[in-house]
Amino acid sequence: MSQDEPDPDLGARVEALTARVAALEERLATPPQHPVPATDGDAFWALDELRARLADHPSTTDGAVMLVGAVTLPTGEPVSWQQGAGTAGLFEVEWDGRAQALAALGHPVRLELLRQVLGGVRTTGDLAALESLGTTGQLHHHLRQLLAAGWLRQSARGSYEVPVGRVVPLLACVVAAER
């Protein structure tokens, strides 16, 4: 088939893609099955479940890492997210490609900026009004760093949001940094 000929399967592919997007949206809107924190008797319930699932998947014999969370943001927006990866080969690949994302979290003003955006302060004007975020020039510098690293995205001109897929990983980083 040449580039000028219509694709006879295009309609079916668009329909399948639409169904997949709808299924993903439904999964994101569905609350997790275990929203209650663990009690003393089952403190490692998530880890126990992960280990049970690993036993069923030979491709993860080296283990797996997961980020899981169900959060209600200060704005009232619910966010549920799960991300996981098998660890096979994880120690052999270079990690330097992740440095920009991690470095973007390494500045107190950028962390405060993310906290404010999650709390509902989302426009450049409202963010600039917060003294803790510095001058307008500094604010734009930090916004560019967070945008480039994927921790923020522009939802409209002059308005920012933390992408849904970054909320739980961000909070996991904050929790992991506790001493």
N, C-alpha and C. Protein backbone atom coordinates (compact mmCIF):
# COMPACT_ATOMS: atom_id res chain seq x y z
N MET A 1 0.85 -1.17 0.00
CA MET A 1 0.00 0.00 0.00
C MET A 1 0.89 1.23 0.00
N SER A 2 0.59 2.21 -0.85
CA SER A 2 1.38 3.44 -0.90
C SER A 2 0.86 4.43 0.13
N GLN A 3 1.60 5.50 0.31
CA GLN A 3 1.21 6.51 1.29
C GLN A 3 -0.09 7.20 0.92
N ASP A 4 -0.43 7.24 -0.38
CA ASP A 4 -1.62 7.93 -0.83
C ASP A 4 -2.89 7.08 -0.70
N GLU A 5 -2.75 5.77 -0.55
CA GLU A 5 -3.90 4.90 -0.45
C GLU A 5 -4.43 4.89 0.98
N PRO A 6 -5.77 4.90 1.15
CA PRO A 6 -6.32 4.84 2.51
C PRO A 6 -6.04 3.48 3.14
N ASP A 7 -5.86 3.49 4.43
CA ASP A 7 -5.61 2.28 5.18
C ASP A 7 -6.94 1.59 5.48
N PRO A 8 -7.19 0.40 4.94
CA PRO A 8 -8.48 -0.26 5.14
C PRO A 8 -8.71 -0.67 6.60
N ASP A 9 -7.65 -0.81 7.39
CA ASP A 9 -7.78 -1.23 8.79
C ASP A 9 -7.81 -0.06 9.75
N LEU A 10 -7.76 1.16 9.25
CA LEU A 10 -7.67 2.33 10.12
C LEU A 10 -8.85 2.42 11.07
N GLY A 11 -10.05 2.23 10.59
CA GLY A 11 -11.24 2.32 11.44
C GLY A 11 -11.20 1.33 12.58
N ALA A 12 -10.82 0.09 12.28
CA ALA A 12 -10.75 -0.95 13.31
C ALA A 12 -9.65 -0.63 14.33
N ARG A 13 -8.52 -0.09 13.85
CA ARG A 13 -7.43 0.25 14.77
C ARG A 13 -7.82 1.42 15.66
N VAL A 14 -8.50 2.41 15.12
CA VAL A 14 -8.96 3.56 15.93
C VAL A 14 -9.97 3.08 16.97
N GLU A 15 -10.87 2.20 16.57
CA GLU A 15 -11.87 1.67 17.50
C GLU A 15 -11.19 0.88 18.63
N ALA A 16 -10.21 0.07 18.30
CA ALA A 16 -9.48 -0.71 19.32
C ALA A 16 -8.73 0.23 20.25
N LEU A 17 -8.11 1.24 19.70
CA LEU A 17 -7.38 2.21 20.52
C LEU A 17 -8.33 2.97 21.44
N THR A 18 -9.48 3.35 20.94
CA THR A 18 -10.48 4.04 21.76
C THR A 18 -10.91 3.16 22.93
N ALA A 19 -11.13 1.88 22.67
CA ALA A 19 -11.53 0.95 23.73
C ALA A 19 -10.42 0.81 24.78
N ARG A 20 -9.17 0.76 24.32
CA ARG A 20 -8.05 0.65 25.27
C ARG A 20 -7.93 1.90 26.14
N VAL A 21 -8.10 3.08 25.56
CA VAL A 21 -8.04 4.32 26.32
C VAL A 21 -9.17 4.36 27.35
N ALA A 22 -10.37 3.95 26.95
CA ALA A 22 -11.50 3.93 27.88
C ALA A 22 -11.23 2.98 29.03
N ALA A 23 -10.64 1.82 28.75
CA ALA A 23 -10.32 0.86 29.80
C ALA A 23 -9.27 1.43 30.76
N LEU A 24 -8.27 2.13 30.22
CA LEU A 24 -7.26 2.75 31.07
C LEU A 24 -7.87 3.84 31.95
N GLU A 25 -8.73 4.67 31.37
CA GLU A 25 -9.39 5.71 32.15
C GLU A 25 -10.23 5.12 33.26
N GLU A 26 -10.92 4.02 32.97
CA GLU A 26 -11.73 3.36 34.00
C GLU A 26 -10.85 2.80 35.12
N ARG A 27 -9.70 2.21 34.74
CA ARG A 27 -8.77 1.69 35.76
C ARG A 27 -8.26 2.80 36.66
N LEU A 28 -7.95 3.96 36.09
CA LEU A 28 -7.47 5.09 36.88
C LEU A 28 -8.54 5.64 37.80
N ALA A 29 -9.81 5.55 37.40
CA ALA A 29 -10.90 6.08 38.20
C ALA A 29 -11.37 5.11 39.27
N THR A 30 -10.98 3.84 39.17
CA THR A 30 -11.42 2.82 40.12
C THR A 30 -10.54 2.85 41.36
N PRO A 31 -11.15 2.96 42.55
CA PRO A 31 -10.33 2.96 43.77
C PRO A 31 -9.62 1.62 43.94
N PRO A 32 -8.47 1.62 44.61
CA PRO A 32 -7.74 0.38 44.82
C PRO A 32 -8.53 -0.58 45.71
N GLN A 33 -8.20 -1.86 45.60
CA GLN A 33 -8.91 -2.87 46.38
C GLN A 33 -8.49 -2.89 47.84
N HIS A 34 -7.32 -2.39 48.18
CA HIS A 34 -6.81 -2.41 49.55
C HIS A 34 -6.48 -1.00 50.03
N PRO A 35 -7.50 -0.12 50.16
CA PRO A 35 -7.19 1.25 50.55
C PRO A 35 -6.88 1.42 52.03
N VAL A 36 -7.14 0.39 52.84
CA VAL A 36 -6.96 0.50 54.28
C VAL A 36 -5.50 0.21 54.63
N PRO A 37 -4.88 1.06 55.46
CA PRO A 37 -3.50 0.78 55.87
C PRO A 37 -3.39 -0.56 56.58
N ALA A 38 -2.21 -1.14 56.50
CA ALA A 38 -1.97 -2.45 57.11
C ALA A 38 -2.08 -2.35 58.63
N THR A 39 -2.57 -3.42 59.23
CA THR A 39 -2.61 -3.50 60.69
C THR A 39 -1.36 -4.25 61.14
N ASP A 40 -1.16 -4.33 62.44
CA ASP A 40 0.04 -4.99 62.96
C ASP A 40 0.20 -6.42 62.47
N GLY A 41 -0.92 -7.14 62.30
CA GLY A 41 -0.84 -8.53 61.87
C GLY A 41 -0.44 -8.71 60.42
N ASP A 42 -0.64 -7.69 59.59
CA ASP A 42 -0.30 -7.84 58.18
C ASP A 42 0.49 -6.63 57.68
N ALA A 43 1.51 -6.27 58.41
CA ALA A 43 2.31 -5.08 58.11
C ALA A 43 2.94 -5.14 56.72
N PHE A 44 3.19 -6.32 56.21
CA PHE A 44 3.83 -6.47 54.90
C PHE A 44 2.88 -7.09 53.89
N TRP A 45 1.60 -6.77 53.96
CA TRP A 45 0.62 -7.38 53.07
C TRP A 45 0.93 -7.09 51.60
N ALA A 46 1.38 -5.90 51.29
CA ALA A 46 1.70 -5.57 49.90
C ALA A 46 2.92 -6.36 49.43
N LEU A 47 3.92 -6.45 50.28
CA LEU A 47 5.12 -7.22 49.96
C LEU A 47 4.81 -8.70 49.81
N ASP A 48 3.97 -9.22 50.71
CA ASP A 48 3.57 -10.63 50.61
C ASP A 48 2.84 -10.90 49.30
N GLU A 49 1.96 -9.99 48.90
CA GLU A 49 1.23 -10.15 47.64
C GLU A 49 2.19 -10.08 46.45
N LEU A 50 3.15 -9.15 46.50
CA LEU A 50 4.14 -9.04 45.42
C LEU A 50 4.93 -10.34 45.30
N ARG A 51 5.38 -10.86 46.41
CA ARG A 51 6.15 -12.13 46.37
C ARG A 51 5.31 -13.27 45.80
N ALA A 52 4.05 -13.33 46.15
CA ALA A 52 3.17 -14.39 45.62
C ALA A 52 3.02 -14.24 44.10
N ARG A 53 2.89 -13.03 43.64
CA ARG A 53 2.76 -12.80 42.20
C ARG A 53 4.06 -13.11 41.47
N LEU A 54 5.20 -12.80 42.09
CA LEU A 54 6.49 -13.08 41.46
C LEU A 54 6.67 -14.58 41.23
N ALA A 55 6.19 -15.37 42.16
CA ALA A 55 6.33 -16.82 42.03
C ALA A 55 5.60 -17.35 40.79
N ASP A 56 4.57 -16.62 40.36
CA ASP A 56 3.79 -17.03 39.18
C ASP A 56 4.39 -16.53 37.87
N HIS A 57 5.42 -15.70 37.94
CA HIS A 57 5.99 -15.10 36.73
C HIS A 57 7.50 -15.37 36.68
N PRO A 58 7.92 -16.39 35.94
CA PRO A 58 9.34 -16.75 35.87
C PRO A 58 10.23 -15.61 35.36
N SER A 59 9.67 -14.67 34.61
CA SER A 59 10.50 -13.58 34.08
C SER A 59 10.94 -12.60 35.16
N THR A 60 10.40 -12.73 36.37
CA THR A 60 10.77 -11.83 37.46
C THR A 60 11.48 -12.57 38.59
N THR A 61 12.25 -13.59 38.24
CA THR A 61 12.93 -14.37 39.28
C THR A 61 13.93 -13.54 40.07
N ASP A 62 14.44 -12.44 39.48
CA ASP A 62 15.37 -11.57 40.20
C ASP A 62 14.64 -10.62 41.13
N GLY A 63 13.33 -10.52 41.00
CA GLY A 63 12.54 -9.63 41.85
C GLY A 63 11.84 -8.56 41.05
N ALA A 64 11.18 -7.68 41.78
CA ALA A 64 10.44 -6.58 41.16
C ALA A 64 10.36 -5.43 42.16
N VAL A 65 10.15 -4.26 41.64
CA VAL A 65 9.98 -3.06 42.44
C VAL A 65 8.66 -2.44 42.02
N MET A 66 7.90 -1.95 43.01
CA MET A 66 6.61 -1.34 42.71
C MET A 66 6.42 -0.04 43.46
N LEU A 67 5.72 0.87 42.82
CA LEU A 67 5.23 2.09 43.45
C LEU A 67 3.72 2.00 43.37
N VAL A 68 3.07 2.10 44.50
CA VAL A 68 1.62 1.98 44.54
C VAL A 68 1.09 3.05 45.49
N GLY A 69 0.03 3.70 45.09
CA GLY A 69 -0.55 4.68 45.99
C GLY A 69 -1.96 5.05 45.61
N ALA A 70 -2.74 5.41 46.61
CA ALA A 70 -4.09 5.94 46.44
C ALA A 70 -4.14 7.18 47.32
N VAL A 71 -4.31 8.34 46.69
CA VAL A 71 -4.17 9.62 47.38
C VAL A 71 -5.36 10.50 47.04
N THR A 72 -5.79 11.27 48.02
CA THR A 72 -6.71 12.37 47.75
C THR A 72 -5.89 13.63 47.95
N LEU A 73 -5.72 14.39 46.87
CA LEU A 73 -4.93 15.61 46.94
C LEU A 73 -5.65 16.66 47.78
N PRO A 74 -4.94 17.67 48.25
CA PRO A 74 -5.60 18.74 49.02
C PRO A 74 -6.74 19.42 48.26
N THR A 75 -6.74 19.32 46.94
CA THR A 75 -7.80 19.90 46.11
C THR A 75 -9.04 19.01 46.06
N GLY A 76 -8.94 17.80 46.64
CA GLY A 76 -10.04 16.84 46.62
C GLY A 76 -9.96 15.86 45.47
N GLU A 77 -9.00 16.05 44.58
CA GLU A 77 -8.87 15.15 43.43
C GLU A 77 -8.30 13.80 43.89
N PRO A 78 -8.95 12.69 43.52
CA PRO A 78 -8.40 11.37 43.85
C PRO A 78 -7.37 10.96 42.81
N VAL A 79 -6.28 10.36 43.27
CA VAL A 79 -5.26 9.84 42.37
C VAL A 79 -4.90 8.44 42.85
N SER A 80 -4.99 7.47 41.95
CA SER A 80 -4.54 6.11 42.23
C SER A 80 -3.54 5.74 41.15
N TRP A 81 -2.44 5.12 41.55
CA TRP A 81 -1.42 4.81 40.56
C TRP A 81 -0.65 3.58 41.00
N GLN A 82 -0.27 2.79 40.03
CA GLN A 82 0.57 1.63 40.27
C GLN A 82 1.57 1.54 39.14
N GLN A 83 2.81 1.36 39.51
CA GLN A 83 3.88 1.24 38.52
C GLN A 83 4.84 0.19 39.05
N GLY A 84 5.25 -0.70 38.20
CA GLY A 84 6.17 -1.73 38.64
C GLY A 84 7.11 -2.14 37.53
N ALA A 85 8.19 -2.76 37.93
CA ALA A 85 9.17 -3.24 36.95
C ALA A 85 9.92 -4.41 37.55
N GLY A 86 10.18 -5.41 36.70
CA GLY A 86 11.06 -6.49 37.11
C GLY A 86 12.48 -5.96 37.25
N THR A 87 13.25 -6.55 38.13
CA THR A 87 14.61 -6.05 38.36
C THR A 87 15.66 -6.74 37.50
N ALA A 88 15.25 -7.69 36.67
CA ALA A 88 16.21 -8.35 35.79
C ALA A 88 16.92 -7.30 34.92
N GLY A 89 18.21 -7.22 35.03
CA GLY A 89 18.99 -6.30 34.25
C GLY A 89 19.07 -4.88 34.80
N LEU A 90 18.30 -4.58 35.84
CA LEU A 90 18.27 -3.22 36.37
C LEU A 90 19.64 -2.76 36.90
N PHE A 91 20.40 -3.69 37.42
CA PHE A 91 21.71 -3.32 37.98
C PHE A 91 22.79 -3.24 36.90
N GLU A 92 22.50 -3.75 35.73
CA GLU A 92 23.48 -3.74 34.63
C GLU A 92 23.35 -2.53 33.72
N VAL A 93 22.18 -1.89 33.68
CA VAL A 93 21.98 -0.74 32.79
C VAL A 93 22.48 0.54 33.47
N GLU A 94 22.82 1.50 32.64
CA GLU A 94 23.25 2.80 33.17
C GLU A 94 22.05 3.53 33.77
N TRP A 95 22.28 4.21 34.86
CA TRP A 95 21.21 4.95 35.53
C TRP A 95 21.29 6.44 35.23
N ASP A 96 22.29 6.88 34.49
CA ASP A 96 22.49 8.31 34.27
C ASP A 96 21.33 8.99 33.56
N GLY A 97 20.53 8.25 32.82
CA GLY A 97 19.37 8.83 32.15
C GLY A 97 18.29 9.28 33.13
N ARG A 98 18.38 8.85 34.36
CA ARG A 98 17.39 9.21 35.38
C ARG A 98 17.85 10.41 36.22
N ALA A 99 19.08 10.86 35.99
CA ALA A 99 19.66 11.92 36.81
C ALA A 99 18.86 13.22 36.73
N GLN A 100 18.40 13.61 35.54
CA GLN A 100 17.68 14.87 35.40
C GLN A 100 16.41 14.88 36.24
N ALA A 101 15.66 13.79 36.22
CA ALA A 101 14.42 13.72 36.99
C ALA A 101 14.69 13.78 38.48
N LEU A 102 15.74 13.08 38.92
CA LEU A 102 16.09 13.10 40.34
C LEU A 102 16.67 14.45 40.75
N ALA A 103 17.51 15.03 39.89
CA ALA A 103 18.12 16.33 40.21
C ALA A 103 17.06 17.42 40.33
N ALA A 104 16.01 17.32 39.53
CA ALA A 104 14.96 18.34 39.59
C ALA A 104 14.29 18.37 40.96
N LEU A 105 14.30 17.25 41.66
CA LEU A 105 13.71 17.20 43.00
C LEU A 105 14.69 17.65 44.08
N GLY A 106 15.93 17.91 43.69
CA GLY A 106 16.98 18.22 44.65
C GLY A 106 17.08 19.67 45.07
N HIS A 107 16.05 20.46 44.84
CA HIS A 107 16.08 21.86 45.24
C HIS A 107 14.83 22.17 46.07
N PRO A 108 15.02 22.82 47.23
CA PRO A 108 13.86 23.08 48.10
C PRO A 108 12.76 23.92 47.44
N VAL A 109 13.12 24.87 46.59
CA VAL A 109 12.10 25.69 45.93
C VAL A 109 11.29 24.83 44.95
N ARG A 110 11.93 23.91 44.25
CA ARG A 110 11.20 23.06 43.31
C ARG A 110 10.27 22.10 44.06
N LEU A 111 10.72 21.59 45.19
CA LEU A 111 9.84 20.73 46.00
C LEU A 111 8.64 21.53 46.50
N GLU A 112 8.88 22.76 46.95
CA GLU A 112 7.77 23.60 47.41
C GLU A 112 6.83 23.93 46.25
N LEU A 113 7.37 24.17 45.09
CA LEU A 113 6.57 24.45 43.91
C LEU A 113 5.64 23.27 43.61
N LEU A 114 6.18 22.06 43.65
CA LEU A 114 5.37 20.87 43.41
C LEU A 114 4.29 20.72 44.48
N ARG A 115 4.65 20.99 45.73
CA ARG A 115 3.68 20.90 46.83
C ARG A 115 2.55 21.90 46.61
N GLN A 116 2.89 23.10 46.19
CA GLN A 116 1.88 24.13 45.95
C GLN A 116 0.97 23.74 44.78
N VAL A 117 1.55 23.23 43.71
CA VAL A 117 0.74 22.83 42.55
C VAL A 117 -0.20 21.69 42.94
N LEU A 118 0.30 20.70 43.68
CA LEU A 118 -0.57 19.62 44.14
C LEU A 118 -1.67 20.15 45.05
N GLY A 119 -1.39 21.24 45.77
CA GLY A 119 -2.37 21.84 46.66
C GLY A 119 -3.37 22.75 45.96
N GLY A 120 -3.20 22.95 44.65
CA GLY A 120 -4.18 23.72 43.90
C GLY A 120 -3.71 25.07 43.40
N VAL A 121 -2.50 25.50 43.78
CA VAL A 121 -1.96 26.76 43.27
C VAL A 121 -1.31 26.43 41.94
N ARG A 122 -1.95 26.78 40.83
CA ARG A 122 -1.50 26.24 39.55
C ARG A 122 -1.14 27.27 38.50
N THR A 123 -1.49 28.52 38.68
CA THR A 123 -1.17 29.50 37.65
C THR A 123 0.14 30.21 37.98
N THR A 124 0.81 30.67 36.94
CA THR A 124 2.06 31.39 37.12
C THR A 124 1.85 32.59 38.03
N GLY A 125 0.76 33.32 37.84
CA GLY A 125 0.48 34.50 38.67
C GLY A 125 0.32 34.15 40.14
N ASP A 126 -0.44 33.10 40.43
CA ASP A 126 -0.64 32.69 41.83
C ASP A 126 0.65 32.16 42.44
N LEU A 127 1.43 31.42 41.65
CA LEU A 127 2.71 30.92 42.15
C LEU A 127 3.69 32.07 42.40
N ALA A 128 3.69 33.06 41.52
CA ALA A 128 4.59 34.20 41.67
C ALA A 128 4.25 35.01 42.92
N ALA A 129 3.01 34.95 43.37
CA ALA A 129 2.59 35.69 44.55
C ALA A 129 3.11 35.07 45.84
N LEU A 130 3.60 33.84 45.78
CA LEU A 130 4.13 33.16 46.97
C LEU A 130 5.59 33.54 47.17
N GLU A 131 5.90 34.19 48.27
CA GLU A 131 7.26 34.66 48.53
C GLU A 131 8.26 33.52 48.62
N SER A 132 7.83 32.36 49.08
CA SER A 132 8.75 31.23 49.26
C SER A 132 9.31 30.71 47.94
N LEU A 133 8.72 31.12 46.82
CA LEU A 133 9.18 30.63 45.52
C LEU A 133 10.14 31.58 44.82
N GLY A 134 10.50 32.67 45.48
CA GLY A 134 11.50 33.58 44.93
C GLY A 134 10.93 34.56 43.93
N THR A 135 11.84 35.16 43.16
CA THR A 135 11.45 36.16 42.16
C THR A 135 10.79 35.48 40.97
N THR A 136 10.19 36.27 40.13
CA THR A 136 9.54 35.74 38.92
C THR A 136 10.55 35.01 38.05
N GLY A 137 11.75 35.58 37.91
CA GLY A 137 12.80 34.93 37.13
C GLY A 137 13.20 33.59 37.71
N GLN A 138 13.35 33.54 39.04
CA GLN A 138 13.68 32.27 39.70
C GLN A 138 12.55 31.26 39.53
N LEU A 139 11.31 31.74 39.66
CA LEU A 139 10.16 30.86 39.50
C LEU A 139 10.16 30.22 38.12
N HIS A 140 10.37 31.02 37.08
CA HIS A 140 10.38 30.49 35.72
C HIS A 140 11.53 29.50 35.51
N HIS A 141 12.67 29.77 36.12
CA HIS A 141 13.81 28.84 36.04
C HIS A 141 13.40 27.48 36.64
N HIS A 142 12.80 27.50 37.82
CA HIS A 142 12.41 26.25 38.48
C HIS A 142 11.28 25.55 37.73
N LEU A 143 10.35 26.31 37.19
CA LEU A 143 9.28 25.71 36.38
C LEU A 143 9.87 24.99 35.17
N ARG A 144 10.84 25.62 34.50
CA ARG A 144 11.47 24.98 33.33
C ARG A 144 12.16 23.68 33.73
N GLN A 145 12.84 23.67 34.88
CA GLN A 145 13.51 22.45 35.33
C GLN A 145 12.51 21.32 35.57
N LEU A 146 11.40 21.65 36.21
CA LEU A 146 10.38 20.63 36.52
C LEU A 146 9.65 20.17 35.26
N LEU A 147 9.42 21.07 34.33
CA LEU A 147 8.81 20.69 33.06
C LEU A 147 9.72 19.76 32.27
N ALA A 148 11.00 20.11 32.19
CA ALA A 148 11.96 19.31 31.43
C ALA A 148 12.12 17.91 32.01
N ALA A 149 12.01 17.80 33.34
CA ALA A 149 12.17 16.51 34.00
C ALA A 149 10.86 15.71 34.04
N GLY A 150 9.75 16.31 33.62
CA GLY A 150 8.48 15.59 33.59
C GLY A 150 7.70 15.62 34.88
N TRP A 151 8.14 16.38 35.88
CA TRP A 151 7.40 16.46 37.14
C TRP A 151 6.22 17.40 37.04
N LEU A 152 6.26 18.32 36.09
CA LEU A 152 5.15 19.23 35.81
C LEU A 152 4.84 19.18 34.33
N ARG A 153 3.61 19.60 33.98
CA ARG A 153 3.27 19.85 32.59
C ARG A 153 2.33 21.04 32.57
N GLN A 154 2.32 21.72 31.45
CA GLN A 154 1.41 22.84 31.30
C GLN A 154 0.04 22.31 30.90
N SER A 155 -0.96 22.63 31.71
CA SER A 155 -2.32 22.19 31.39
C SER A 155 -3.02 23.23 30.52
N ALA A 156 -2.54 24.46 30.58
CA ALA A 156 -3.01 25.57 29.74
C ALA A 156 -1.91 26.61 29.81
N ARG A 157 -2.00 27.64 29.01
CA ARG A 157 -0.96 28.66 29.04
C ARG A 157 -0.92 29.31 30.42
N GLY A 158 0.25 29.23 31.05
CA GLY A 158 0.42 29.83 32.36
C GLY A 158 -0.19 29.03 33.50
N SER A 159 -0.56 27.80 33.25
CA SER A 159 -1.16 26.95 34.27
C SER A 159 -0.46 25.59 34.26
N TYR A 160 -0.20 25.06 35.44
CA TYR A 160 0.61 23.85 35.56
C TYR A 160 -0.11 22.79 36.38
N GLU A 161 0.29 21.54 36.15
CA GLU A 161 -0.22 20.43 36.94
C GLU A 161 0.85 19.35 37.02
N VAL A 162 0.77 18.56 38.07
CA VAL A 162 1.64 17.39 38.19
C VAL A 162 0.91 16.27 37.44
N PRO A 163 1.54 15.67 36.42
CA PRO A 163 0.86 14.58 35.69
C PRO A 163 0.44 13.46 36.64
N VAL A 164 -0.70 12.87 36.40
CA VAL A 164 -1.21 11.81 37.28
C VAL A 164 -0.16 10.72 37.52
N GLY A 165 0.56 10.34 36.47
CA GLY A 165 1.56 9.28 36.59
C GLY A 165 2.80 9.68 37.38
N ARG A 166 2.88 10.94 37.80
CA ARG A 166 4.02 11.40 38.59
C ARG A 166 3.67 11.68 40.05
N VAL A 167 2.37 11.72 40.39
CA VAL A 167 1.97 12.05 41.76
C VAL A 167 2.49 11.02 42.75
N VAL A 168 2.17 9.75 42.54
CA VAL A 168 2.59 8.71 43.48
C VAL A 168 4.11 8.56 43.50
N PRO A 169 4.81 8.53 42.34
CA PRO A 169 6.27 8.49 42.41
C PRO A 169 6.87 9.69 43.16
N LEU A 170 6.30 10.87 42.99
CA LEU A 170 6.78 12.05 43.72
C LEU A 170 6.60 11.86 45.22
N LEU A 171 5.41 11.44 45.62
CA LEU A 171 5.15 11.22 47.05
C LEU A 171 6.02 10.09 47.59
N ALA A 172 6.28 9.06 46.78
CA ALA A 172 7.16 7.97 47.21
C ALA A 172 8.58 8.50 47.45
N CYS A 173 9.05 9.41 46.60
CA CYS A 173 10.37 10.03 46.80
C CYS A 173 10.41 10.83 48.10
N VAL A 174 9.34 11.56 48.36
CA VAL A 174 9.26 12.35 49.59
C VAL A 174 9.28 11.43 50.81
N VAL A 175 8.48 10.37 50.76
CA VAL A 175 8.46 9.40 51.87
C VAL A 175 9.82 8.73 52.02
N ALA A 176 10.44 8.35 50.91
CA ALA A 176 11.74 7.66 50.96
C ALA A 176 12.82 8.55 51.55
N ALA A 177 12.67 9.88 51.42
CA ALA A 177 13.68 10.80 51.92
C ALA A 177 13.55 11.06 53.42
N GLU A 178 12.47 10.56 54.05
CA GLU A 178 12.33 10.73 55.49
C GLU A 178 13.42 9.94 56.21
N ARG A 179 13.84 10.48 57.31
CA ARG A 179 14.87 9.78 58.09
C ARG A 179 14.31 9.24 59.35
